[in-house]
Amino acid sequence: MSTSSALWSPVASTAPRILIVGAGSRGNAYARAIHDSAKGVVVAVAEPVDFKREALGRKYIWGDRGPKEGQHFKGWREYLQWEIERRESVKDKQDADARVDGVFVCTLDESHAEIITGLAPLTLHILSEKPLATTLQDCVEIYGSLLPTEGASPSLFAIGHVLRYSPHNMLLRKLLLEEEVIGEIISIEHTEPVGWWHFSHSYVRGNWRKESKTAPSLLTKSCHDIDLLLWLLCSPPDIDQPPHLPSYLTSTGSLVHFKKSRKPALAAESTNCLSCPAERDCIYSAKQIYHEQQLEKGNTHWPVKIIDPEIEDCMNNSGLKAAEDRLFERLREDYNAETPPEEVDSRPWFGRCVYEAGNDVCDNQMVTITWDDDPLPESQAFDMEKRLKGRGAKTASFHMVAFTEKICERRSRIYGTKGEIEADSKTIKVHNFSPKQTKTYHPHQAGGGHGGGDDGLATQFVKAIDAVKNHGITVKEAQKNHIGCSLEEIIRSHAMVFAAEDARTGRKIVDWHDWWAEQVEARLRTGPVPVEGREGLN
């Protein structure tokens, strides 16, 4: 992007002011979305890696002029301390220009809980990248930390379940629940095709390869697919109506392919692609994936930039050969039996053999969720048909699979009492039974990631902040009307993932109501998690 001064032109002090915590790929995606689509302004970045911090700041905050005080921090703790001291120094003054209104938490999954609970005393509006946290206990603690306490202002909260905010899925929900084009929903089949090399990049060689280090792949990759299913089948169009909660669920899946028993014989004892005799015949060759299919064709963005954040600058300043040398240097990095385990687990190894990567997350998993009839009470509707509207028995089956040509282009088939729908992230085909006819919808294909979902979520979150800050709208109303997702829904969709994992690892059927009572409500009975210093920081 050109360093045009227009990018950093003064913005009215009333515009929502955003801090980005984490300047990796997701932090940059949201910064771009705020800049391109939302009526807010990124005013600060917190990131420990100097290059990443400076790159995001130069692109979206200070341009060629260099950062000012309060615009860049080496981490969220440094920002927290700075903000506490700033508030102490201006307690009796109006200092809107310096105050951050909202925070986008875009760091690694396992750090979310510490950051969100740590920033909670500031009562800022927070959007967290998905997943909310990597354990159910952390999710519950986050929930408690965000509940308003006496003397503190409530805050908006959103999660990176971007599938809710794509034009495709917003139209799909409207057709299903508002226009009822196929009648009552009976069943949904939904697939996330992760993509054969994408899975190897992120979940075999990358940061999300080990459950003990991060979380199950169902959570790190597909929690927003589970959320999408609950949004369509659990959350009514009238959000004042109670949700139709599932009855039970089950799940099967495992690590099928990316393990030593599947390693080609020709590879022998090789652990790195650049020295492997089977490299030319292996579709997972790091040399082929990152060099021949990406860098050699001029791509210095994802996924190459994940391997080396500075490779784009290297290419621009020194040319392709220098960038290739830099890439191969990174890909040659490897470990052996003498390498300390903490060093192995601390980082990705993108040149590592996919059959020797120490990964353990599922590469193929299915989840089946079942609902029973759950009519509204007679006091709300006498007629049983009305009482069961949107609350009848139904099922949802979800398939997360690594071995696909498509990369994250979700596809769904939805069966109803009056027809069925095919959806593939680009088009929606509605087949009616009577009269027998098909209508095809072509939702707007918005730019940005996740079919426009990144921009959609960023826009709605900034709109919600603006409504509270500048238009006298309550946090409750802004959460409902702009974000459209409550904190309870966020916890519920994450809890469903953890329940599915219990079902998979225990090879059992999980009763949702019993599981929720034992695993979630029991943790919440102790009340909100106390957050030291929350009062008095407004």
Protein backbone atom coordinates (compact mmCIF):
# COMPACT_ATOMS: atom_id res chain seq x y z
CA MET A 1 0.00 0.00 0.00
CA SER A 2 1.26 3.44 -0.87
CA THR A 3 2.23 5.61 2.07
CA SER A 4 -0.23 8.27 0.99
CA SER A 5 -0.76 10.98 3.56
CA ALA A 6 -4.50 10.50 3.06
CA LEU A 7 -4.28 7.32 5.10
CA TRP A 8 -3.36 9.31 8.17
CA SER A 9 -5.45 12.43 7.68
CA PRO A 10 -6.94 13.79 10.92
CA VAL A 11 -10.14 12.06 12.01
CA ALA A 12 -12.75 13.68 14.18
CA SER A 13 -12.08 12.98 17.84
CA THR A 14 -15.58 11.56 18.15
CA ALA A 15 -14.82 8.67 15.78
CA PRO A 16 -14.29 5.33 17.57
CA ARG A 17 -10.59 4.96 18.40
CA ILE A 18 -9.14 1.47 18.18
CA LEU A 19 -6.10 -0.27 19.67
CA ILE A 20 -4.84 -3.38 17.85
CA VAL A 21 -3.21 -5.92 20.16
CA GLY A 22 -1.19 -8.29 18.01
CA ALA A 23 0.17 -7.18 14.64
CA GLY A 24 0.17 -10.55 12.89
CA SER A 25 -2.03 -11.60 9.98
CA ARG A 26 -5.32 -11.19 11.86
CA GLY A 27 -4.32 -7.87 13.41
CA ASN A 28 -3.49 -6.56 9.95
CA ALA A 29 -6.73 -7.98 8.53
CA TYR A 30 -8.83 -6.09 11.07
CA ALA A 31 -6.73 -2.91 10.77
CA ARG A 32 -7.34 -3.00 7.02
CA ALA A 33 -11.05 -3.67 7.55
CA ILE A 34 -11.35 -0.72 9.94
CA HIS A 35 -9.53 1.52 7.49
CA ASP A 36 -11.46 0.37 4.40
CA SER A 37 -14.96 -0.30 5.69
CA ALA A 38 -15.54 1.02 9.19
CA LYS A 39 -15.95 4.58 10.40
CA GLY A 40 -13.30 4.26 13.02
CA VAL A 41 -9.59 4.95 13.28
CA VAL A 42 -6.72 2.75 14.43
CA VAL A 43 -4.80 4.91 16.88
CA ALA A 44 -2.39 2.48 18.55
CA VAL A 45 -0.77 -0.94 18.24
CA ALA A 46 0.64 -3.26 20.91
CA GLU A 47 3.02 -5.90 19.57
CA PRO A 48 6.29 -7.30 20.99
CA VAL A 49 7.95 -7.93 17.60
CA ASP A 50 9.48 -4.64 16.45
CA PHE A 51 9.13 -5.27 12.72
CA LYS A 52 5.46 -6.27 12.94
CA ARG A 53 4.62 -3.34 15.21
CA GLU A 54 6.34 -0.81 12.98
CA ALA A 55 4.86 -2.26 9.78
CA LEU A 56 1.25 -2.07 11.00
CA GLY A 57 1.79 1.33 12.54
CA ARG A 58 3.40 2.76 9.43
CA LYS A 59 0.59 1.41 7.25
CA TYR A 60 -2.42 2.40 9.33
CA ILE A 61 -1.43 4.85 12.09
CA TRP A 62 1.53 7.20 11.69
CA GLY A 63 2.70 6.80 8.08
CA ASP A 64 6.15 8.16 7.31
CA ARG A 65 6.05 10.63 10.20
CA GLY A 66 6.94 8.10 12.86
CA PRO A 67 5.00 7.18 16.00
CA LYS A 68 4.03 9.55 18.79
CA GLU A 69 3.61 8.73 22.45
CA GLY A 70 0.60 6.51 23.01
CA GLN A 71 0.62 5.07 19.50
CA HIS A 72 2.92 2.06 19.90
CA PHE A 73 3.56 -0.40 22.73
CA LYS A 74 5.70 -3.52 23.09
CA GLY A 75 2.77 -5.47 24.42
CA TRP A 76 -0.62 -5.18 26.06
CA ARG A 77 0.85 -4.88 29.56
CA GLU A 78 2.85 -1.83 28.53
CA TYR A 79 -0.33 -0.27 27.12
CA LEU A 80 -2.28 -1.15 30.29
CA GLN A 81 0.27 0.54 32.54
CA TRP A 82 0.45 3.58 30.26
CA GLU A 83 -3.32 3.91 30.17
CA ILE A 84 -3.71 3.59 33.94
CA GLU A 85 -1.11 6.32 34.46
CA ARG A 86 -2.72 8.47 31.77
CA ARG A 87 -6.13 8.22 33.42
CA GLU A 88 -4.67 9.10 36.80
CA SER A 89 -3.10 12.22 35.33
CA VAL A 90 -6.27 13.46 33.61
CA LYS A 91 -8.93 12.49 36.15
CA ASP A 92 -10.34 15.99 36.27
CA LYS A 93 -9.98 16.78 32.56
CA GLN A 94 -11.72 15.97 29.30
CA ASP A 95 -9.13 14.00 27.36
CA ALA A 96 -11.09 12.26 24.61
CA ASP A 97 -8.34 12.62 22.02
CA ALA A 98 -5.98 10.34 23.94
CA ARG A 99 -8.45 7.69 25.04
CA VAL A 100 -8.89 4.39 23.24
CA ASP A 101 -12.52 3.31 22.89
CA GLY A 102 -12.12 -0.26 21.70
CA VAL A 103 -9.55 -3.04 21.50
CA PHE A 104 -9.09 -5.78 18.92
CA VAL A 105 -7.30 -8.75 20.53
CA CYS A 106 -5.49 -10.53 17.68
CA THR A 107 -2.80 -12.52 19.46
CA LEU A 108 -2.27 -16.27 19.66
CA ASP A 109 -5.28 -18.15 21.01
CA GLU A 110 -3.70 -19.22 24.30
CA SER A 111 -3.03 -15.59 25.27
CA HIS A 112 -6.60 -14.29 24.88
CA ALA A 113 -7.80 -15.05 28.40
CA GLU A 114 -4.91 -13.26 30.10
CA ILE A 115 -5.23 -10.21 27.85
CA ILE A 116 -9.02 -9.87 28.03
CA THR A 117 -9.20 -10.31 31.80
CA GLY A 118 -6.16 -8.05 32.18
CA LEU A 119 -7.75 -5.24 30.17
CA ALA A 120 -11.19 -5.70 31.76
CA PRO A 121 -10.55 -3.08 34.50
CA LEU A 122 -10.36 -0.41 31.80
CA THR A 123 -13.98 -1.16 30.73
CA LEU A 124 -13.02 -0.75 27.09
CA HIS A 125 -15.10 -2.31 24.34
CA ILE A 126 -13.35 -5.52 23.26
CA LEU A 127 -13.37 -7.67 20.14
CA SER A 128 -11.42 -10.90 20.46
CA GLU A 129 -10.25 -13.03 17.59
CA LYS A 130 -11.68 -16.53 17.73
CA PRO A 131 -11.48 -18.72 19.66
CA LEU A 132 -12.28 -16.83 22.84
CA ALA A 133 -9.90 -19.05 24.80
CA THR A 134 -8.38 -22.51 24.58
CA THR A 135 -10.04 -24.00 27.67
CA LEU A 136 -13.58 -23.97 28.97
CA GLN A 137 -12.37 -22.66 32.33
CA ASP A 138 -10.75 -19.66 30.64
CA CYS A 139 -13.94 -18.98 28.68
CA VAL A 140 -15.93 -18.91 31.89
CA GLU A 141 -13.37 -16.66 33.57
CA ILE A 142 -13.54 -14.24 30.66
CA TYR A 143 -17.31 -14.22 30.96
CA GLY A 144 -17.04 -13.36 34.64
CA SER A 145 -14.47 -10.63 34.06
CA LEU A 146 -16.72 -8.89 31.52
CA LEU A 147 -19.84 -8.82 33.64
CA PRO A 148 -20.41 -5.24 34.86
CA THR A 149 -19.64 -4.63 38.52
CA GLU A 150 -21.07 -1.97 40.79
CA GLY A 151 -19.72 1.44 39.87
CA ALA A 152 -18.35 0.28 36.51
CA SER A 153 -19.78 0.92 33.06
CA PRO A 154 -20.85 -2.06 30.92
CA SER A 155 -18.83 -2.71 27.80
CA LEU A 156 -19.46 -4.13 24.35
CA PHE A 157 -17.93 -7.48 23.55
CA ALA A 158 -17.61 -9.29 20.23
CA ILE A 159 -15.87 -12.43 19.03
CA GLY A 160 -14.26 -13.16 15.66
CA HIS A 161 -17.10 -15.42 14.51
CA VAL A 162 -16.87 -13.68 11.16
CA LEU A 163 -19.12 -16.17 9.34
CA ARG A 164 -22.13 -14.42 10.86
CA TYR A 165 -21.18 -11.19 9.12
CA SER A 166 -20.55 -12.26 5.52
CA PRO A 167 -23.19 -11.12 2.99
CA HIS A 168 -23.65 -14.76 1.97
CA ASN A 169 -24.51 -16.04 5.43
CA MET A 170 -26.60 -13.01 6.38
CA LEU A 171 -28.75 -13.66 3.31
CA LEU A 172 -28.86 -17.38 4.08
CA ARG A 173 -30.19 -16.72 7.59
CA LYS A 174 -32.76 -14.26 6.24
CA LEU A 175 -34.02 -16.79 3.68
CA LEU A 176 -34.23 -19.53 6.29
CA LEU A 177 -35.60 -17.78 9.36
CA GLU A 178 -37.36 -14.64 8.16
CA GLU A 179 -38.67 -15.58 4.73
CA GLU A 180 -38.91 -19.31 5.57
CA VAL A 181 -38.31 -20.23 1.93
CA ILE A 182 -38.02 -23.98 2.68
CA GLY A 183 -40.43 -24.10 5.63
CA GLU A 184 -39.27 -25.55 8.91
CA ILE A 185 -35.64 -26.69 8.97
CA ILE A 186 -35.27 -30.45 9.40
CA SER A 187 -31.55 -30.98 8.89
CA ILE A 188 -28.31 -29.23 7.92
CA GLU A 189 -25.16 -30.77 6.47
CA HIS A 190 -22.26 -28.33 6.70
CA THR A 191 -18.64 -28.86 5.66
CA GLU A 192 -15.51 -26.85 6.20
CA PRO A 193 -12.95 -27.90 3.57
CA VAL A 194 -9.76 -26.72 5.22
CA GLY A 195 -7.56 -27.39 2.20
CA TRP A 196 -4.83 -30.01 1.91
CA TRP A 197 -1.80 -27.70 2.05
CA HIS A 198 -3.47 -25.08 4.27
CA PHE A 199 -3.97 -27.72 6.95
CA SER A 200 -0.33 -28.79 6.68
CA HIS A 201 0.77 -25.16 6.98
CA SER A 202 -1.27 -24.19 10.05
CA TYR A 203 -2.15 -27.44 11.84
CA VAL A 204 0.81 -29.73 11.11
CA ARG A 205 3.80 -27.40 10.84
CA GLY A 206 2.28 -24.24 12.26
CA ASN A 207 1.21 -22.71 15.55
CA TRP A 208 -1.93 -24.83 15.95
CA ARG A 209 -0.36 -28.29 15.54
CA LYS A 210 -0.50 -29.48 19.17
CA GLU A 211 -3.56 -29.64 21.38
CA SER A 212 -1.39 -29.32 24.49
CA LYS A 213 0.07 -26.06 23.16
CA THR A 214 -3.13 -24.52 21.80
CA ALA A 215 -6.39 -26.48 21.55
CA PRO A 216 -8.21 -29.08 19.43
CA SER A 217 -8.54 -28.19 15.75
CA LEU A 218 -12.33 -28.17 16.11
CA LEU A 219 -11.87 -25.14 18.35
CA THR A 220 -8.98 -23.35 16.66
CA LYS A 221 -10.23 -23.88 13.10
CA SER A 222 -13.95 -24.54 13.21
CA CYS A 223 -15.46 -22.90 16.28
CA HIS A 224 -17.13 -20.32 14.05
CA ASP A 225 -18.67 -23.11 11.96
CA ILE A 226 -20.26 -24.53 15.11
CA ASP A 227 -21.35 -20.97 15.92
CA LEU A 228 -22.87 -20.62 12.45
CA LEU A 229 -24.95 -23.77 12.97
CA LEU A 230 -26.18 -22.57 16.36
CA TRP A 231 -26.94 -19.14 14.89
CA LEU A 232 -29.14 -20.76 12.24
CA LEU A 233 -30.77 -23.43 14.42
CA CYS A 234 -30.65 -22.12 17.98
CA SER A 235 -30.98 -18.31 17.86
CA PRO A 236 -34.43 -17.07 16.69
CA PRO A 237 -34.80 -13.95 14.50
CA ASP A 238 -36.50 -12.26 17.45
CA ILE A 239 -33.66 -12.32 19.94
CA ASP A 240 -36.09 -11.57 22.76
CA GLN A 241 -37.41 -15.12 22.30
CA PRO A 242 -35.60 -17.92 24.16
CA PRO A 243 -33.08 -19.96 22.17
CA HIS A 244 -33.97 -23.45 21.00
CA LEU A 245 -31.27 -25.39 22.81
CA PRO A 246 -29.94 -28.73 21.54
CA SER A 247 -30.70 -31.98 23.32
CA TYR A 248 -27.60 -34.05 22.70
CA LEU A 249 -24.54 -34.37 20.49
CA THR A 250 -21.81 -36.74 19.46
CA SER A 251 -18.54 -36.53 17.55
CA THR A 252 -16.01 -38.78 15.86
CA GLY A 253 -12.62 -37.97 14.41
CA SER A 254 -8.88 -38.39 14.73
CA LEU A 255 -5.49 -37.64 13.26
CA VAL A 256 -5.73 -39.85 10.19
CA HIS A 257 -2.86 -38.98 7.87
CA PHE A 258 -0.19 -36.63 9.21
CA LYS A 259 1.71 -39.14 11.36
CA LYS A 260 4.85 -41.26 11.10
CA SER A 261 3.03 -44.43 10.07
CA ARG A 262 2.02 -42.69 6.81
CA LYS A 263 5.54 -41.50 5.97
CA PRO A 264 6.77 -42.61 2.51
CA ALA A 265 9.45 -45.30 2.70
CA LEU A 266 11.73 -43.31 0.40
CA ALA A 267 11.89 -40.51 2.98
CA ALA A 268 13.65 -42.88 5.38
CA GLU A 269 14.93 -40.94 8.42
CA SER A 270 14.69 -37.48 6.85
CA THR A 271 12.91 -34.86 8.94
CA ASN A 272 13.31 -31.78 6.72
CA CYS A 273 12.01 -31.36 3.19
CA LEU A 274 15.12 -29.63 1.85
CA SER A 275 17.28 -32.71 2.53
CA CYS A 276 14.68 -35.41 1.87
CA PRO A 277 15.11 -37.90 -1.03
CA ALA A 278 11.31 -38.08 -1.38
CA GLU A 279 10.86 -34.30 -1.70
CA ARG A 280 10.13 -34.16 -5.44
CA ASP A 281 7.39 -36.80 -5.18
CA CYS A 282 5.76 -35.48 -1.99
CA ILE A 283 2.83 -33.09 -2.41
CA TYR A 284 3.57 -31.67 1.04
CA SER A 285 7.09 -30.61 0.10
CA ALA A 286 7.76 -27.29 1.82
CA LYS A 287 9.93 -26.29 -1.14
CA GLN A 288 7.07 -26.85 -3.57
CA ILE A 289 4.36 -25.27 -1.39
CA TYR A 290 6.19 -22.12 -0.31
CA HIS A 291 8.70 -21.53 -3.08
CA GLU A 292 7.38 -22.96 -6.33
CA GLN A 293 3.68 -22.34 -5.68
CA GLN A 294 4.02 -19.03 -3.84
CA LEU A 295 7.25 -16.97 -3.70
CA GLU A 296 8.45 -17.89 -7.19
CA LYS A 297 5.12 -16.59 -8.52
CA GLY A 298 5.57 -13.28 -6.73
CA ASN A 299 3.48 -13.89 -3.59
CA THR A 300 5.15 -12.49 -0.47
CA HIS A 301 1.92 -12.37 1.54
CA TRP A 302 0.21 -15.27 3.36
CA PRO A 303 1.45 -17.98 3.76
CA VAL A 304 5.03 -16.95 2.91
CA LYS A 305 4.91 -13.93 5.21
CA ILE A 306 4.03 -16.20 8.13
CA ILE A 307 7.38 -17.95 7.68
CA ASP A 308 9.29 -14.66 7.58
CA PRO A 309 7.44 -11.36 8.24
CA GLU A 310 10.26 -9.40 6.59
CA ILE A 311 10.28 -11.29 3.32
CA GLU A 312 8.11 -8.74 1.52
CA ASP A 313 10.56 -5.94 2.29
CA CYS A 314 13.45 -8.19 1.30
CA MET A 315 11.81 -8.90 -2.06
CA ASN A 316 11.04 -5.23 -2.69
CA ASN A 317 14.48 -3.98 -1.69
CA SER A 318 16.81 -6.76 -2.82
CA GLY A 319 14.91 -8.84 -5.37
CA LEU A 320 13.70 -12.40 -5.80
CA LYS A 321 17.05 -14.14 -5.29
CA ALA A 322 17.55 -12.53 -1.87
CA ALA A 323 14.00 -13.40 -0.88
CA GLU A 324 14.53 -17.01 -1.99
CA ASP A 325 17.73 -17.26 0.05
CA ARG A 326 15.89 -15.91 3.07
CA LEU A 327 13.00 -18.35 2.62
CA PHE A 328 15.26 -21.38 2.22
CA GLU A 329 17.23 -20.34 5.30
CA ARG A 330 14.01 -20.48 7.31
CA LEU A 331 12.87 -23.75 5.76
CA ARG A 332 16.19 -25.46 6.59
CA GLU A 333 15.63 -24.85 10.30
CA ASP A 334 14.99 -28.14 12.07
CA TYR A 335 15.26 -29.88 15.41
CA ASN A 336 16.40 -33.29 16.66
CA ALA A 337 16.24 -35.44 19.77
CA GLU A 338 18.74 -33.15 21.52
CA THR A 339 16.61 -30.03 21.05
CA PRO A 340 14.86 -28.99 24.30
CA PRO A 341 11.10 -29.75 24.07
CA GLU A 342 10.24 -26.19 25.11
CA GLU A 343 12.18 -24.87 22.10
CA VAL A 344 10.40 -27.30 19.76
CA ASP A 345 6.99 -26.27 21.06
CA SER A 346 7.74 -22.55 21.13
CA ARG A 347 7.54 -21.95 17.38
CA PRO A 348 6.47 -23.37 14.00
CA TRP A 349 8.87 -25.40 11.83
CA PHE A 350 7.73 -24.83 8.27
CA GLY A 351 10.38 -26.99 6.59
CA ARG A 352 9.64 -29.98 8.80
CA CYS A 353 8.38 -33.26 7.35
CA VAL A 354 4.61 -33.41 7.82
CA TYR A 355 4.96 -37.02 8.99
CA GLU A 356 7.51 -36.07 11.67
CA ALA A 357 6.01 -32.82 12.95
CA GLY A 358 4.86 -33.91 16.41
CA ASN A 359 1.34 -32.72 15.64
CA ASP A 360 -1.68 -34.34 17.27
CA VAL A 361 -4.84 -32.41 16.29
CA CYS A 362 -7.60 -34.02 14.23
CA ASP A 363 -7.37 -33.75 10.46
CA ASN A 364 -10.83 -35.27 9.97
CA GLN A 365 -13.77 -34.81 12.36
CA MET A 366 -17.54 -34.94 12.35
CA VAL A 367 -20.01 -33.50 14.86
CA THR A 368 -23.73 -34.30 15.00
CA ILE A 369 -26.05 -32.09 17.05
CA THR A 370 -29.68 -33.07 17.72
CA TRP A 371 -32.63 -30.96 18.82
CA ASP A 372 -35.95 -32.28 20.17
CA ASP A 373 -39.33 -30.58 19.94
CA ASP A 374 -39.31 -27.71 22.43
CA PRO A 375 -42.53 -25.70 22.03
CA LEU A 376 -43.01 -22.31 23.62
CA PRO A 377 -45.30 -22.29 26.66
CA GLU A 378 -49.05 -21.96 26.06
CA SER A 379 -48.95 -18.49 27.57
CA GLN A 380 -47.01 -17.29 24.49
CA ALA A 381 -49.04 -19.10 21.83
CA PHE A 382 -52.05 -21.40 22.10
CA ASP A 383 -51.71 -23.01 18.68
CA MET A 384 -49.10 -25.81 18.71
CA GLU A 385 -47.93 -24.94 15.19
CA LYS A 386 -47.02 -21.45 16.38
CA ARG A 387 -45.48 -22.74 19.58
CA LEU A 388 -43.20 -25.07 17.58
CA LYS A 389 -42.24 -22.54 14.91
CA GLY A 390 -38.46 -22.71 14.68
CA ARG A 391 -38.39 -25.03 17.69
CA GLY A 392 -39.11 -28.41 16.14
CA ALA A 393 -36.91 -31.50 16.14
CA LYS A 394 -33.91 -31.17 13.79
CA THR A 395 -30.30 -32.18 13.34
CA ALA A 396 -27.05 -30.60 12.22
CA SER A 397 -24.02 -32.52 10.99
CA PHE A 398 -20.67 -30.78 10.63
CA HIS A 399 -17.59 -32.12 8.85
CA MET A 400 -14.15 -30.57 9.23
CA VAL A 401 -11.75 -32.21 6.77
CA ALA A 402 -8.19 -31.36 5.75
CA PHE A 403 -8.06 -33.21 2.46
CA THR A 404 -9.81 -30.89 0.05
CA GLU A 405 -8.99 -28.87 -3.03
CA LYS A 406 -11.05 -25.91 -1.81
CA ILE A 407 -9.59 -23.82 1.00
CA CYS A 408 -12.17 -22.75 3.60
CA GLU A 409 -14.94 -22.34 1.02
CA ARG A 410 -17.71 -23.74 3.17
CA ARG A 411 -20.59 -25.67 1.65
CA SER A 412 -23.96 -26.52 3.13
CA ARG A 413 -27.08 -28.44 2.25
CA ILE A 414 -30.19 -27.59 4.24
CA TYR A 415 -33.36 -29.67 4.19
CA GLY A 416 -36.75 -28.21 5.09
CA THR A 417 -40.40 -29.21 5.08
CA LYS A 418 -41.05 -27.29 1.84
CA GLY A 419 -37.73 -27.47 0.01
CA GLU A 420 -33.97 -27.58 0.29
CA ILE A 421 -31.04 -25.20 -0.08
CA GLU A 422 -27.54 -25.62 -1.50
CA ALA A 423 -24.98 -23.02 -0.42
CA ASP A 424 -21.30 -22.87 -1.34
CA SER A 425 -20.05 -19.53 0.05
CA LYS A 426 -20.72 -17.86 -3.31
CA THR A 427 -24.23 -18.84 -4.37
CA ILE A 428 -27.42 -19.99 -2.65
CA LYS A 429 -29.79 -22.27 -4.56
CA VAL A 430 -33.33 -22.64 -3.21
CA HIS A 431 -35.20 -25.70 -4.49
CA ASN A 432 -38.94 -25.62 -3.74
CA PHE A 433 -40.99 -28.83 -3.69
CA SER A 434 -44.26 -27.29 -4.87
CA PRO A 435 -44.35 -25.60 -7.22
CA LYS A 436 -41.18 -27.37 -8.36
CA GLN A 437 -38.76 -24.57 -9.05
CA THR A 438 -35.23 -23.40 -8.27
CA LYS A 439 -34.10 -19.87 -7.55
CA THR A 440 -30.43 -18.97 -7.39
CA TYR A 441 -29.12 -16.07 -5.30
CA HIS A 442 -25.75 -14.43 -5.83
CA PRO A 443 -24.89 -12.55 -2.62
CA HIS A 444 -22.48 -9.64 -2.86
CA GLN A 445 -18.91 -10.97 -2.81
CA ALA A 446 -17.32 -8.48 -0.46
CA GLY A 447 -13.58 -8.04 -0.32
CA GLY A 448 -11.40 -9.04 2.59
CA GLY A 449 -11.32 -12.38 4.34
CA HIS A 450 -14.06 -14.91 5.00
CA GLY A 451 -16.34 -13.71 2.20
CA GLY A 452 -16.50 -10.20 3.59
CA GLY A 453 -16.99 -11.42 7.14
CA ASP A 454 -13.83 -9.69 8.42
CA ASP A 455 -15.02 -6.33 7.13
CA GLY A 456 -18.59 -7.00 8.22
CA LEU A 457 -17.64 -7.78 11.81
CA ALA A 458 -15.22 -4.85 12.07
CA THR A 459 -17.86 -2.50 10.67
CA GLN A 460 -20.59 -3.68 13.05
CA PHE A 461 -18.31 -3.51 16.07
CA VAL A 462 -17.18 0.02 15.25
CA LYS A 463 -20.82 1.01 14.60
CA ALA A 464 -21.74 -0.33 18.02
CA ILE A 465 -18.98 1.72 19.67
CA ASP A 466 -20.09 4.80 17.74
CA ALA A 467 -23.71 4.28 18.81
CA VAL A 468 -22.71 4.14 22.48
CA LYS A 469 -20.10 6.89 22.32
CA ASN A 470 -21.84 9.45 20.13
CA HIS A 471 -25.55 8.67 19.93
CA GLY A 472 -26.68 7.90 23.46
CA ILE A 473 -27.47 4.23 22.74
CA THR A 474 -27.12 1.84 25.66
CA VAL A 475 -24.53 -0.91 25.53
CA LYS A 476 -27.34 -3.49 25.67
CA GLU A 477 -29.10 -2.00 22.63
CA ALA A 478 -25.86 -1.59 20.65
CA GLN A 479 -24.87 -5.17 21.43
CA LYS A 480 -28.26 -6.36 20.20
CA ASN A 481 -28.73 -4.13 17.16
CA HIS A 482 -25.20 -3.87 15.78
CA ILE A 483 -23.18 -6.84 17.02
CA GLY A 484 -26.21 -9.16 17.10
CA CYS A 485 -24.55 -11.67 19.39
CA SER A 486 -24.66 -11.80 23.17
CA LEU A 487 -21.86 -12.87 25.47
CA GLU A 488 -24.02 -15.88 26.42
CA GLU A 489 -24.18 -16.96 22.76
CA ILE A 490 -20.40 -16.67 22.51
CA ILE A 491 -19.93 -18.89 25.56
CA ARG A 492 -22.56 -21.35 24.31
CA SER A 493 -20.92 -21.91 20.92
CA HIS A 494 -17.51 -22.40 22.51
CA ALA A 495 -19.00 -24.74 25.11
CA MET A 496 -20.54 -26.79 22.29
CA VAL A 497 -17.03 -27.38 20.91
CA PHE A 498 -15.75 -28.55 24.28
CA ALA A 499 -18.81 -30.81 24.68
CA ALA A 500 -18.15 -32.27 21.22
CA GLU A 501 -14.56 -33.00 22.23
CA ASP A 502 -15.83 -34.76 25.36
CA ALA A 503 -18.07 -36.85 23.13
CA ARG A 504 -15.25 -37.64 20.69
CA THR A 505 -12.58 -38.54 23.23
CA GLY A 506 -15.07 -40.45 25.42
CA ARG A 507 -16.75 -42.16 22.47
CA LYS A 508 -20.15 -41.26 23.87
CA ILE A 509 -23.35 -39.29 23.39
CA VAL A 510 -23.38 -36.09 25.45
CA ASP A 511 -26.64 -34.81 26.91
CA TRP A 512 -26.37 -31.07 26.31
CA HIS A 513 -28.53 -29.90 29.23
CA ASP A 514 -26.72 -32.12 31.75
CA TRP A 515 -23.31 -31.21 30.36
CA TRP A 516 -24.08 -27.47 30.47
CA ALA A 517 -25.28 -27.71 34.06
CA GLU A 518 -22.23 -29.68 35.18
CA GLN A 519 -19.53 -27.97 33.15
CA VAL A 520 -20.70 -24.37 32.78
CA GLU A 521 -23.41 -23.45 35.29
CA ALA A 522 -21.50 -25.09 38.13
CA ARG A 523 -18.50 -22.87 37.35
CA LEU A 524 -20.68 -19.78 37.16
CA ARG A 525 -22.50 -20.30 40.46
CA THR A 526 -19.62 -18.78 42.34
CA GLY A 527 -20.52 -15.49 40.64
CA PRO A 528 -18.48 -13.09 38.49
CA VAL A 529 -14.74 -13.53 38.61
CA PRO A 530 -13.41 -10.60 40.64
CA VAL A 531 -11.14 -8.32 38.64
CA GLU A 532 -8.87 -6.24 40.84
CA GLY A 533 -8.96 -2.54 40.13
CA ARG A 534 -11.98 -2.57 37.84
CA GLU A 535 -13.81 0.11 39.80
CA GLY A 536 -12.63 3.67 39.55
CA LEU A 537 -10.83 3.45 36.21
CA ASN A 538 -13.52 5.08 34.07
